[in-house]
C-alpha atoms as a PDB file:
ATOM      1  CA  MET A   1      30.994   5.657 -30.773  1.00  0.00           C
ATOM      2  CA  PRO A   2      28.841   8.316 -28.730  1.00  0.00           C
ATOM      3  CA  PRO A   3      28.966   7.597 -24.948  1.00  0.00           C
ATOM      4  CA  TRP A   4      25.209   7.212 -24.781  1.00  0.00           C
ATOM      5  CA  MET A   5      25.638   4.173 -27.397  1.00  0.00           C
ATOM      6  CA  THR A   6      28.323   2.769 -25.514  1.00  0.00           C
ATOM      7  CA  TYR A   7      26.573   2.504 -22.374  1.00  0.00           C
ATOM      8  CA  GLY A   8      23.474   1.356 -24.191  1.00  0.00           C
ATOM      9  CA  LEU A   9      25.123  -1.566 -25.461  1.00  0.00           C
ATOM     10  CA  LEU A  10      26.391  -2.327 -22.126  1.00  0.00           C
ATOM     11  CA  GLY A  11      22.926  -2.609 -20.789  1.00  0.00           C
ATOM     12  CA  VAL A  12      22.077  -4.842 -23.691  1.00  0.00           C
ATOM     13  CA  VAL A  13      24.658  -7.259 -22.790  1.00  0.00           C
ATOM     14  CA  ALA A  14      24.186  -7.119 -19.267  1.00  0.00           C
ATOM     15  CA  GLY A  15      20.381  -7.946 -19.284  1.00  0.00           C
ATOM     16  CA  PRO A  16      20.956 -11.618 -19.435  1.00  0.00           C
ATOM     17  CA  VAL A  17      23.735 -11.575 -17.213  1.00  0.00           C
ATOM     18  CA  VAL A  18      21.623  -9.879 -14.558  1.00  0.00           C
ATOM     19  CA  LEU A  19      18.763 -12.577 -15.126  1.00  0.00           C
ATOM     20  CA  THR A  20      21.184 -15.350 -14.851  1.00  0.00           C
ATOM     21  CA  ILE A  21      22.424 -14.501 -11.663  1.00  0.00           C
ATOM     22  CA  ALA A  22      19.008 -13.652 -10.174  1.00  0.00           C
ATOM     23  CA  ARG A  23      17.716 -17.162 -11.061  1.00  0.00           C
ATOM     24  CA  ALA A  24      20.962 -18.477  -9.317  1.00  0.00           C
ATOM     25  CA  VAL A  25      20.246 -16.599  -6.131  1.00  0.00           C
ATOM     26  CA  THR A  26      16.557 -17.518  -6.143  1.00  0.00           C
ATOM     27  CA  HIS A  27      17.248 -21.044  -6.927  1.00  0.00           C
ATOM     28  CA  ASP A  28      15.789 -21.062 -10.223  1.00  0.00           C
ATOM     29  CA  GLU A  29      12.442 -19.613  -8.867  1.00  0.00           C
ATOM     30  CA  ARG A  30      10.204 -18.379 -11.703  1.00  0.00           C
ATOM     31  CA  LEU A  31      11.281 -14.764 -11.629  1.00  0.00           C
ATOM     32  CA  ALA A  32       8.354 -12.170 -11.312  1.00  0.00           C
ATOM     33  CA  TRP A  33       9.434 -10.403 -14.476  1.00  0.00           C
ATOM     34  CA  THR A  34       9.043 -13.388 -16.659  1.00  0.00           C
ATOM     35  CA  ALA A  35       5.246 -13.637 -15.538  1.00  0.00           C
ATOM     36  CA  PHE A  36       4.772 -10.645 -18.055  1.00  0.00           C
ATOM     37  CA  THR A  37       6.483 -12.391 -21.182  1.00  0.00           C
ATOM     38  CA  ARG A  38       4.868 -15.303 -22.903  1.00  0.00           C
ATOM     39  CA  CYS A  39       8.010 -15.681 -25.347  1.00  0.00           C
ATOM     40  CA  GLY A  40      10.764 -17.859 -24.138  1.00  0.00           C
ATOM     41  CA  TRP A  41      13.046 -15.124 -24.743  1.00  0.00           C
ATOM     42  CA  GLY A  42      10.816 -12.527 -23.981  1.00  0.00           C
ATOM     43  CA  HIS A  43      12.281 -11.883 -20.451  1.00  0.00           C
ATOM     44  CA  LEU A  44      15.900 -11.618 -21.950  1.00  0.00           C
ATOM     45  CA  ALA A  45      14.739  -8.969 -24.549  1.00  0.00           C
ATOM     46  CA  ALA A  46      12.968  -7.054 -21.903  1.00  0.00           C
ATOM     47  CA  ALA A  47      15.667  -6.958 -19.399  1.00  0.00           C
ATOM     48  CA  SER A  48      18.487  -5.894 -22.239  1.00  0.00           C
ATOM     49  CA  GLY A  49      15.965  -3.378 -23.567  1.00  0.00           C
ATOM     50  CA  LEU A  50      15.205  -1.773 -20.215  1.00  0.00           C
ATOM     51  CA  LEU A  51      18.981  -1.807 -19.186  1.00  0.00           C
ATOM     52  CA  GLY A  52      19.979  -0.549 -22.650  1.00  0.00           C
ATOM     53  CA  ALA A  53      17.417   2.427 -22.572  1.00  0.00           C
ATOM     54  CA  ALA A  54      18.049   3.173 -18.750  1.00  0.00           C
ATOM     55  CA  LEU A  55      22.020   3.239 -19.406  1.00  0.00           C
ATOM     56  CA  ALA A  56      21.743   5.203 -22.461  1.00  0.00           C
ATOM     57  CA  CYS A  57      19.646   8.029 -20.518  1.00  0.00           C
ATOM     58  CA  VAL A  58      22.257   8.070 -17.603  1.00  0.00           C
ATOM     59  CA  ALA A  59      24.951   8.642 -20.320  1.00  0.00           C
ATOM     60  CA  VAL A  60      23.090  11.636 -21.455  1.00  0.00           C
ATOM     61  CA  HIS A  61      21.697  13.159 -18.309  1.00  0.00           C
ATOM     62  CA  ALA A  62      24.795  12.703 -15.996  1.00  0.00           C
ATOM     63  CA  PRO A  63      28.052  11.743 -18.218  1.00  0.00           C
ATOM     64  CA  LEU A  64      30.176  12.409 -15.374  1.00  0.00           C
ATOM     65  CA  GLU A  65      28.560   9.840 -13.024  1.00  0.00           C
ATOM     66  CA  ALA A  66      27.685   7.485 -15.957  1.00  0.00           C
ATOM     67  CA  SER A  67      29.883   4.707 -14.766  1.00  0.00           C
ATOM     68  CA  ALA A  68      28.640   4.570 -11.163  1.00  0.00           C
ATOM     69  CA  LEU A  69      25.099   5.102 -12.127  1.00  0.00           C
ATOM     70  CA  SER A  70      25.237   2.316 -14.779  1.00  0.00           C
ATOM     71  CA  TRP A  71      26.386   0.093 -11.683  1.00  0.00           C
ATOM     72  CA  PHE A  72      23.506   1.245  -9.602  1.00  0.00           C
ATOM     73  CA  VAL A  73      21.139   0.518 -12.098  1.00  0.00           C
ATOM     74  CA  MET A  74      22.429  -2.895 -12.985  1.00  0.00           C
ATOM     75  CA  VAL A  75      22.842  -4.210  -9.492  1.00  0.00           C
ATOM     76  CA  GLY A  76      19.824  -2.412  -8.654  1.00  0.00           C
ATOM     77  CA  LEU A  77      17.598  -4.259 -11.044  1.00  0.00           C
ATOM     78  CA  LEU A  78      19.146  -7.684  -9.802  1.00  0.00           C
ATOM     79  CA  LEU A  79      18.011  -6.727  -6.357  1.00  0.00           C
ATOM     80  CA  ALA A  80      14.665  -5.671  -7.763  1.00  0.00           C
ATOM     81  CA  LEU A  81      14.252  -9.075  -9.254  1.00  0.00           C
ATOM     82  CA  ILE A  82      15.295 -10.988  -6.270  1.00  0.00           C
ATOM     83  CA  ASP A  83      13.111  -8.997  -4.004  1.00  0.00           C
ATOM     84  CA  LEU A  84       9.906  -9.375  -6.091  1.00  0.00           C
ATOM     85  CA  THR A  85      10.318 -13.104  -6.510  1.00  0.00           C
ATOM     86  CA  VAL A  86      11.515 -14.274  -2.992  1.00  0.00           C
ATOM     87  CA  HIS A  87      11.144 -11.026  -0.795  1.00  0.00           C
ATOM     88  CA  ARG A  88      14.874 -11.121  -0.045  1.00  0.00           C
ATOM     89  CA  LEU A  89      17.619  -8.337  -0.489  1.00  0.00           C
ATOM     90  CA  PRO A  90      20.935 -10.379  -0.075  1.00  0.00           C
ATOM     91  CA  HIS A  91      23.148  -8.650   1.840  1.00  0.00           C
ATOM     92  CA  PRO A  92      26.409  -9.415  -0.176  1.00  0.00           C
ATOM     93  CA  ILE A  93      24.456  -7.957  -3.326  1.00  0.00           C
ATOM     94  CA  ASN A  94      23.583  -4.909  -1.128  1.00  0.00           C
ATOM     95  CA  GLY A  95      27.232  -4.626  -0.112  1.00  0.00           C
ATOM     96  CA  ALA A  96      28.450  -4.639  -3.771  1.00  0.00           C
ATOM     97  CA  LEU A  97      25.939  -1.851  -4.597  1.00  0.00           C
ATOM     98  CA  LEU A  98      27.292   0.162  -1.854  1.00  0.00           C
ATOM     99  CA  ALA A  99      30.899  -0.645  -2.348  1.00  0.00           C
ATOM    100  CA  GLY A 100      30.838   0.080  -6.112  1.00  0.00           C
ATOM    101  CA  SER A 101      28.881   3.376  -5.751  1.00  0.00           C
ATOM    102  CA  VAL A 102      31.223   4.635  -2.949  1.00  0.00           C
ATOM    103  CA  ILE A 103      34.582   3.601  -4.703  1.00  0.00           C
ATOM    104  CA  GLN A 104      33.490   5.120  -8.257  1.00  0.00           C
ATOM    105  CA  LEU A 105      31.652   8.326  -6.816  1.00  0.00           C
ATOM    106  CA  SER A 106      35.160   8.694  -4.457  1.00  0.00           C
ATOM    107  CA  PHE A 107      37.295   8.389  -7.382  1.00  0.00           C
ATOM    108  CA  LEU A 108      35.208  11.038  -9.221  1.00  0.00           C
ATOM    109  CA  ALA A 109      35.399  13.375  -6.380  1.00  0.00           C
ATOM    110  CA  LEU A 110      39.217  13.044  -6.422  1.00  0.00           C
ATOM    111  CA  LEU A 111      39.506  13.491  -9.975  1.00  0.00           C
ATOM    112  CA  ARG A 112      37.432  16.847  -9.700  1.00  0.00           C
ATOM    113  CA  SER A 113      38.831  17.914  -6.329  1.00  0.00           C
ATOM    114  CA  ASP A 114      35.300  18.687  -5.280  1.00  0.00           C
ATOM    115  CA  PHE A 115      34.593  16.629  -2.231  1.00  0.00           C
ATOM    116  CA  ASP A 116      31.274  18.348  -1.127  1.00  0.00           C
ATOM    117  CA  PRO A 117      29.137  15.983  -3.114  1.00  0.00           C
ATOM    118  CA  LEU A 118      30.932  12.956  -1.390  1.00  0.00           C
ATOM    119  CA  LEU A 119      30.479  14.377   1.964  1.00  0.00           C
ATOM    120  CA  ARG A 120      26.887  15.053   1.597  1.00  0.00           C
ATOM    121  CA  ALA A 121      26.481  11.506  -0.033  1.00  0.00           C
ATOM    122  CA  GLY A 122      28.029  10.164   3.293  1.00  0.00           C
ATOM    123  CA  LEU A 123      25.990  12.244   5.542  1.00  0.00           C
ATOM    124  CA  ALA A 124      22.898  11.190   3.705  1.00  0.00           C
ATOM    125  CA  ALA A 125      23.660   7.576   3.782  1.00  0.00           C
ATOM    126  CA  VAL A 126      24.169   7.750   7.684  1.00  0.00           C
ATOM    127  CA  VAL A 127      21.047   9.842   8.416  1.00  0.00           C
ATOM    128  CA  VAL A 128      18.595   7.739   6.259  1.00  0.00           C
ATOM    129  CA  THR A 129      20.161   4.577   7.499  1.00  0.00           C
ATOM    130  CA  THR A 130      19.891   5.449  11.057  1.00  0.00           C
ATOM    131  CA  ALA A 131      16.308   6.592  10.600  1.00  0.00           C
ATOM    132  CA  GLY A 132      15.477   3.376   8.854  1.00  0.00           C
ATOM    133  CA  PHE A 133      17.009   1.188  11.515  1.00  0.00           C
ATOM    134  CA  ALA A 134      15.086   3.141  13.924  1.00  0.00           C
ATOM    135  CA  VAL A 135      11.689   2.410  12.132  1.00  0.00           C
ATOM    136  CA  TYR A 136      12.632  -1.313  11.784  1.00  0.00           C
ATOM    137  CA  VAL A 137      13.324  -1.601  15.519  1.00  0.00           C
ATOM    138  CA  GLY A 138      10.442   0.545  16.570  1.00  0.00           C
ATOM    139  CA  SER A 139       7.832  -1.270  14.063  1.00  0.00           C
ATOM    140  CA  ARG A 140       8.749  -4.228  12.094  1.00  0.00           C
ATOM    141  CA  GLN A 141       5.590  -3.865  10.026  1.00  0.00           C
ATOM    142  CA  GLY A 142       7.042  -1.529   7.354  1.00  0.00           C
ATOM    143  CA  LEU A 143      10.517  -2.074   6.718  1.00  0.00           C
ATOM    144  CA  GLY A 144      12.509  -5.297   6.673  1.00  0.00           C
ATOM    145  CA  PHE A 145      16.192  -5.479   7.675  1.00  0.00           C
ATOM    146  CA  GLY A 146      17.306  -5.798   4.107  1.00  0.00           C
ATOM    147  CA  ASP A 147      15.403  -2.628   3.175  1.00  0.00           C
ATOM    148  CA  VAL A 148      17.161  -1.021   5.814  1.00  0.00           C
ATOM    149  CA  VAL A 149      20.455  -1.980   4.358  1.00  0.00           C
ATOM    150  CA  LEU A 150      19.372  -1.090   1.041  1.00  0.00           C
ATOM    151  CA  LEU A 151      18.702   2.648   2.062  1.00  0.00           C
ATOM    152  CA  ALA A 152      22.479   2.992   2.516  1.00  0.00           C
ATOM    153  CA  PRO A 153      23.425   3.018  -1.134  1.00  0.00           C
ATOM    154  CA  ILE A 154      20.244   4.413  -2.223  1.00  0.00           C
ATOM    155  CA  ALA A 155      20.800   7.519   0.157  1.00  0.00           C
ATOM    156  CA  PHE A 156      24.367   7.684  -0.835  1.00  0.00           C
ATOM    157  CA  VAL A 157      23.935   7.963  -4.536  1.00  0.00           C
ATOM    158  CA  LEU A 158      20.871  10.416  -4.122  1.00  0.00           C
ATOM    159  CA  GLY A 159      22.756  12.243  -1.649  1.00  0.00           C
ATOM    160  CA  TRP A 160      25.610  12.792  -3.971  1.00  0.00           C
ATOM    161  CA  PHE A 161      23.292  14.526  -6.472  1.00  0.00           C
ATOM    162  CA  GLY A 162      21.603  16.793  -3.886  1.00  0.00           C
ATOM    163  CA  TRP A 163      19.017  16.912  -0.868  1.00  0.00           C
ATOM    164  CA  ASN A 164      16.124  17.464  -3.375  1.00  0.00           C
ATOM    165  CA  GLN A 165      16.829  14.334  -4.875  1.00  0.00           C
ATOM    166  CA  LEU A 166      17.199  12.489  -1.946  1.00  0.00           C
ATOM    167  CA  PHE A 167      13.807  13.722  -0.545  1.00  0.00           C
ATOM    168  CA  ALA A 168      12.100  13.237  -3.877  1.00  0.00           C
ATOM    169  CA  GLY A 169      13.502   9.739  -4.399  1.00  0.00           C
ATOM    170  CA  LEU A 170      12.449   8.470  -0.870  1.00  0.00           C
ATOM    171  CA  MET A 171       9.335  10.211  -0.538  1.00  0.00           C
ATOM    172  CA  SER A 172       8.085   8.688  -4.256  1.00  0.00           C
ATOM    173  CA  ALA A 173       9.194   5.356  -3.459  1.00  0.00           C
ATOM    174  CA  PHE A 174       7.039   5.226   0.103  1.00  0.00           C
ATOM    175  CA  LEU A 175       4.254   6.840  -1.731  1.00  0.00           C
ATOM    176  CA  LEU A 176       4.044   4.484  -4.328  1.00  0.00           C
ATOM    177  CA  ALA A 177       4.420   1.290  -2.164  1.00  0.00           C
ATOM    178  CA  ALA A 178       1.649   2.674  -0.002  1.00  0.00           C
ATOM    179  CA  VAL A 179      -0.589   3.078  -2.855  1.00  0.00           C
ATOM    180  CA  SER A 180       0.379  -0.298  -4.355  1.00  0.00           C
ATOM    181  CA  MET A 181      -0.318  -1.939  -0.928  1.00  0.00           C
ATOM    182  CA  ARG A 182      -3.713  -0.230  -0.565  1.00  0.00           C
ATOM    183  CA  LEU A 183      -4.628  -1.493  -4.091  1.00  0.00           C
ATOM    184  CA  LEU A 184      -3.305  -4.934  -3.520  1.00  0.00           C
ATOM    185  CA  ARG A 185      -5.467  -5.057  -0.410  1.00  0.00           C
ATOM    186  CA  ALA A 186      -8.456  -3.933  -2.288  1.00  0.00           C
ATOM    187  CA  SER A 187      -8.127  -6.369  -4.955  1.00  0.00           C
ATOM    188  CA  ARG A 188      -7.995  -9.071  -2.184  1.00  0.00           C
ATOM    189  CA  ALA A 189     -10.934  -8.211  -0.111  1.00  0.00           C
ATOM    190  CA  GLY A 190      -9.047  -6.499   2.426  1.00  0.00           C
ATOM    191  CA  ARG A 191      -6.681  -9.081   3.462  1.00  0.00           C
ATOM    192  CA  ARG A 192      -3.847  -7.531   5.289  1.00  0.00           C
ATOM    193  CA  GLY A 193      -1.215 -10.612   5.581  1.00  0.00           C
ATOM    194  CA  ASP A 194       0.111  -9.721   1.889  1.00  0.00           C
ATOM    195  CA  ALA A 195       3.504  -8.838   1.839  1.00  0.00           C
ATOM    196  CA  LEU A 196       4.908  -6.260  -0.596  1.00  0.00           C
ATOM    197  CA  ALA A 197       8.458  -5.912  -1.740  1.00  0.00           C
ATOM    198  CA  LEU A 198       9.791  -2.557  -1.120  1.00  0.00           C
ATOM    199  CA  GLY A 199      13.269  -2.431  -2.623  1.00  0.00           C
ATOM    200  CA  PRO A 200      11.970  -2.310  -6.388  1.00  0.00           C
ATOM    201  CA  PHE A 201      10.210   0.653  -5.338  1.00  0.00           C
ATOM    202  CA  LEU A 202      13.318   2.206  -3.714  1.00  0.00           C
ATOM    203  CA  ILE A 203      15.239   1.353  -6.628  1.00  0.00           C
ATOM    204  CA  ILE A 204      13.250   2.763  -9.264  1.00  0.00           C
ATOM    205  CA  SER A 205      12.236   5.975  -7.516  1.00  0.00           C
ATOM    206  CA  ALA A 206      15.870   6.526  -6.907  1.00  0.00           C
ATOM    207  CA  VAL A 207      16.757   6.440 -10.527  1.00  0.00           C
ATOM    208  CA  GLY A 208      13.584   8.458 -11.563  1.00  0.00           C
ATOM    209  CA  ALA A 209      14.726  11.201  -9.192  1.00  0.00           C
ATOM    210  CA  ILE A 210      18.224  11.079 -10.492  1.00  0.00           C
ATOM    211  CA  LEU A 211      17.065  11.434 -14.225  1.00  0.00           C
ATOM    212  CA  LEU A 212      14.049  13.823 -13.766  1.00  0.00           C
ATOM    213  CA  THR A 213      14.940  16.285 -11.139  1.00  0.00           C
END
């Protein structure tokens, strides 16, 4: 079986698992995803289809990093669903995302005897997380602490692939979030109290930057 098909099937199987965990974490609140699916099984099919397609693309685009990226996509989708639903990014899941990425990419660096991408990833994580924490402390209007913690695995994975991917992933995330917030306020007669989950933008933009650059 081709690797892309193997990872695609993994994504199909992982879809319902991700939704089940998200429901448990949000205490069975109606997930934001299910608002777009009328059929009872529609949200399961959507999750499986999205993960299946994403993991198949990962296996084709970055075969060496396919395992680490698959973990990043699956746990990232879980965090995105939780953040969209209850505006929270649980630290244990954030930690699992970071730990899984660090362990798998470190093992890959050891196998390849090439530690430059790993060192770049570590530096990117430190710099971006430090900058995010400074923004959080200086002005708590834009970043929540959960967003700051999420920046560590985001920057680590993007940094592994290069500085261009890091810049593209972060800039596109904040740009999309800013545009979405402006549109949200415009649709609600200029109200400024509306909260916007940043986590999904960070995750989607990171995956996009890796696959498209």
